[in-house]
Amino acid sequence: MNYANVKYIDIANGSGVRTSLFVSGCTHRCPGCFNEEAWDFNAGLPFDETIQKDILDSLAPSYISGLSVLGGEPFEPENQRALLPFLTKVKEVYPEKTIWVYTGDLLEDLLSEKNPRHTEATEPLLSLIDVLVDGLFEEEKKDITLKFRGSSNQRLIDLSQTLASGTVALLKP
């Protein structure tokens, strides 16, 4: 997996001050996407041990609330497989920090074994995520007044509560 960018002090992509990782590769290709340059799976740099250590180190200060993962598309199958061991490590080292992940997929589709994006990594990956922002960016539903999302169709899902109850629990930003 490659990554397109890392923002070490970010307040736009989740609650509190966060580190945000932008992975490369996206087949959704939403019209009006804010990060079109990350559609290419070869964009950016390899997601190697050096950048992983830098991101882990950036999460250490108490004022950092957690990690946000955006794209590109984190739930492209190859990205899931690369993110699973990394997010596992984040949770082991910083269990008090939250993980937010943005996806163009709907949670219900990711959970469906009939979906080609559902891999052996999908459910373990979802279990590590605190907040999932799901749904394609829809330019005609763009709303700059919304917190932590670009269009009104996108949902902020409390994933821990959702997975425990079996019913989608929306987060109130």
Protein backbone atom coordinates (compact mmCIF):
# COMPACT_ATOMS: atom_id res chain seq x y z
CA MET A 1 0.00 0.00 0.00
CA ASN A 2 1.07 3.55 -0.65
CA TYR A 3 0.02 6.64 1.22
CA ALA A 4 -0.62 10.04 -0.32
CA ASN A 5 -0.18 12.25 2.74
CA VAL A 6 -0.04 12.44 6.53
CA LYS A 7 -1.30 15.44 8.48
CA TYR A 8 0.14 15.42 11.98
CA ILE A 9 -2.02 18.18 13.47
CA ASP A 10 -5.51 17.89 11.97
CA ILE A 11 -8.80 19.18 13.36
CA ALA A 12 -10.98 18.63 10.27
CA ASN A 13 -11.18 14.83 10.08
CA GLY A 14 -12.57 13.73 13.42
CA SER A 15 -13.04 15.03 16.92
CA GLY A 16 -10.15 16.69 18.71
CA VAL A 17 -6.62 17.10 17.39
CA ARG A 18 -5.65 14.09 15.29
CA THR A 19 -3.07 12.56 13.02
CA SER A 20 -4.63 11.84 9.63
CA LEU A 21 -3.31 9.23 7.20
CA PHE A 22 -4.42 9.50 3.58
CA VAL A 23 -3.99 6.16 1.82
CA SER A 24 -3.57 5.83 -1.94
CA GLY A 25 -5.94 4.03 -4.26
CA CYS A 26 -9.65 4.46 -4.85
CA THR A 27 -11.94 2.91 -7.42
CA HIS A 28 -15.02 4.92 -6.33
CA ARG A 29 -13.77 8.07 -8.10
CA CYS A 30 -16.55 10.31 -6.78
CA PRO A 31 -17.16 13.42 -8.92
CA GLY A 32 -16.00 16.46 -6.93
CA CYS A 33 -13.69 14.43 -4.68
CA PHE A 34 -11.40 16.68 -2.61
CA ASN A 35 -8.51 14.22 -2.91
CA GLU A 36 -8.54 13.09 -6.53
CA GLU A 37 -4.74 12.76 -6.62
CA ALA A 38 -5.03 9.82 -4.17
CA TRP A 39 -7.15 7.72 -6.58
CA ASP A 40 -3.98 6.24 -8.10
CA PHE A 41 -2.78 3.21 -6.11
CA ASN A 42 0.82 4.19 -6.99
CA ALA A 43 0.49 7.79 -5.77
CA GLY A 44 2.62 8.92 -2.89
CA LEU A 45 5.11 6.78 -1.02
CA PRO A 46 5.23 3.20 0.31
CA PHE A 47 3.55 2.72 3.69
CA ASP A 48 6.70 1.30 5.21
CA GLU A 49 7.98 0.83 8.77
CA THR A 50 9.49 4.32 8.88
CA ILE A 51 6.21 6.16 8.23
CA GLN A 52 4.34 3.76 10.49
CA LYS A 53 6.74 4.57 13.33
CA ASP A 54 6.43 8.30 12.62
CA ILE A 55 2.63 8.05 12.83
CA LEU A 56 2.76 5.99 16.03
CA ASP A 57 5.15 8.52 17.59
CA SER A 58 2.86 11.38 16.56
CA LEU A 59 0.02 9.86 18.58
CA ALA A 60 1.99 9.97 21.86
CA PRO A 61 1.15 13.51 23.10
CA SER A 62 -1.86 13.68 25.39
CA TYR A 63 -3.44 16.44 23.27
CA ILE A 64 -3.70 14.07 20.26
CA SER A 65 -7.13 12.41 20.35
CA GLY A 66 -6.35 9.71 17.82
CA LEU A 67 -5.83 8.63 14.25
CA SER A 68 -8.04 9.27 11.22
CA VAL A 69 -7.63 7.20 8.05
CA LEU A 70 -8.92 8.60 4.77
CA GLY A 71 -8.18 8.14 1.15
CA GLY A 72 -8.08 7.24 -1.47
CA GLU A 73 -10.16 4.41 -0.05
CA PRO A 74 -9.10 2.56 3.11
CA PHE A 75 -11.46 -0.34 2.31
CA GLU A 76 -9.95 -1.22 -1.05
CA PRO A 77 -9.02 -4.88 -0.40
CA GLU A 78 -5.26 -4.34 -0.63
CA ASN A 79 -5.48 -1.33 1.68
CA GLN A 80 -7.47 -3.28 4.26
CA ARG A 81 -4.78 -5.93 4.41
CA ALA A 82 -2.05 -3.32 4.93
CA LEU A 83 -4.04 -1.31 7.48
CA LEU A 84 -5.10 -4.24 9.68
CA PRO A 85 -1.71 -4.92 11.30
CA PHE A 86 -1.01 -1.20 11.60
CA LEU A 87 -4.34 -0.32 13.26
CA THR A 88 -3.92 -3.35 15.53
CA LYS A 89 -0.60 -1.87 16.65
CA VAL A 90 -2.17 1.58 17.16
CA LYS A 91 -4.82 0.05 19.47
CA GLU A 92 -2.19 -1.97 21.37
CA VAL A 93 0.07 1.04 21.96
CA TYR A 94 -2.67 3.65 22.46
CA PRO A 95 -5.89 1.96 23.62
CA GLU A 96 -7.24 5.32 24.82
CA LYS A 97 -6.93 6.96 21.38
CA THR A 98 -9.80 6.79 18.90
CA ILE A 99 -9.59 5.58 15.32
CA TRP A 100 -11.81 7.20 12.69
CA VAL A 101 -11.96 5.75 9.18
CA TYR A 102 -13.61 7.34 6.13
CA THR A 103 -14.99 5.11 3.38
CA GLY A 104 -17.13 5.53 0.30
CA ASP A 105 -18.68 2.16 1.07
CA LEU A 106 -21.72 1.64 3.27
CA LEU A 107 -21.16 -0.33 6.46
CA GLU A 108 -23.89 -2.80 5.46
CA ASP A 109 -22.07 -3.49 2.18
CA LEU A 110 -18.72 -3.98 3.91
CA LEU A 111 -20.31 -6.55 6.23
CA SER A 112 -21.84 -8.50 3.33
CA GLU A 113 -19.74 -11.49 2.34
CA LYS A 114 -21.18 -11.08 -1.18
CA ASN A 115 -19.42 -7.72 -1.54
CA PRO A 116 -16.08 -7.97 -3.40
CA ARG A 117 -14.58 -5.52 -0.88
CA HIS A 118 -15.37 -7.92 1.98
CA THR A 119 -12.10 -9.76 2.69
CA GLU A 120 -10.63 -11.77 5.52
CA ALA A 121 -9.41 -8.43 6.93
CA THR A 122 -12.74 -6.55 6.84
CA GLU A 123 -14.36 -7.61 10.09
CA PRO A 124 -11.15 -7.56 12.17
CA LEU A 125 -10.44 -4.09 10.75
CA LEU A 126 -13.96 -2.85 11.57
CA SER A 127 -13.55 -4.11 15.15
CA LEU A 128 -10.62 -1.70 15.64
CA ILE A 129 -12.49 1.38 14.41
CA ASP A 130 -14.32 3.69 16.81
CA VAL A 131 -16.03 5.91 14.23
CA LEU A 132 -16.76 4.98 10.63
CA VAL A 133 -17.75 7.76 8.25
CA ASP A 134 -19.47 5.90 5.43
CA GLY A 135 -21.04 6.69 2.08
CA LEU A 136 -19.86 8.06 -1.23
CA PHE A 137 -19.23 11.78 -1.49
CA GLU A 138 -22.18 13.12 -3.50
CA GLU A 139 -21.48 16.51 -5.00
CA GLU A 140 -25.18 17.43 -5.22
CA LYS A 141 -25.46 16.79 -1.45
CA LYS A 142 -22.29 18.71 -0.56
CA ASP A 143 -22.78 20.76 2.60
CA ILE A 144 -19.85 22.71 4.06
CA THR A 145 -21.74 23.23 7.34
CA LEU A 146 -21.58 19.52 8.20
CA LYS A 147 -18.97 18.44 10.72
CA PHE A 148 -16.49 15.76 9.68
CA ARG A 149 -18.11 14.85 6.34
CA GLY A 150 -18.56 16.34 2.91
CA SER A 151 -22.11 15.45 1.88
CA SER A 152 -25.37 14.95 3.75
CA ASN A 153 -25.74 11.29 2.75
CA GLN A 154 -22.59 10.33 4.65
CA ARG A 155 -23.06 8.88 8.12
CA LEU A 156 -20.96 9.22 11.27
CA ILE A 157 -21.30 5.78 12.82
CA ASP A 158 -20.34 4.88 16.39
CA LEU A 159 -18.92 1.58 15.24
CA SER A 160 -18.24 0.07 18.67
CA GLN A 161 -21.88 0.56 19.68
CA THR A 162 -23.14 -0.54 16.26
CA LEU A 163 -21.19 -3.80 16.26
CA ALA A 164 -22.25 -4.55 19.85
CA SER A 165 -25.96 -3.90 19.24
CA GLY A 166 -26.34 -4.99 15.61
CA THR A 167 -28.13 -1.69 14.87
CA VAL A 168 -26.47 1.34 13.28
CA ALA A 169 -25.78 3.92 16.00
CA LEU A 170 -25.14 7.37 14.61
CA LEU A 171 -22.68 9.68 16.32
CA LYS A 172 -23.85 13.18 17.16
CA PRO A 173 -20.97 15.51 16.22
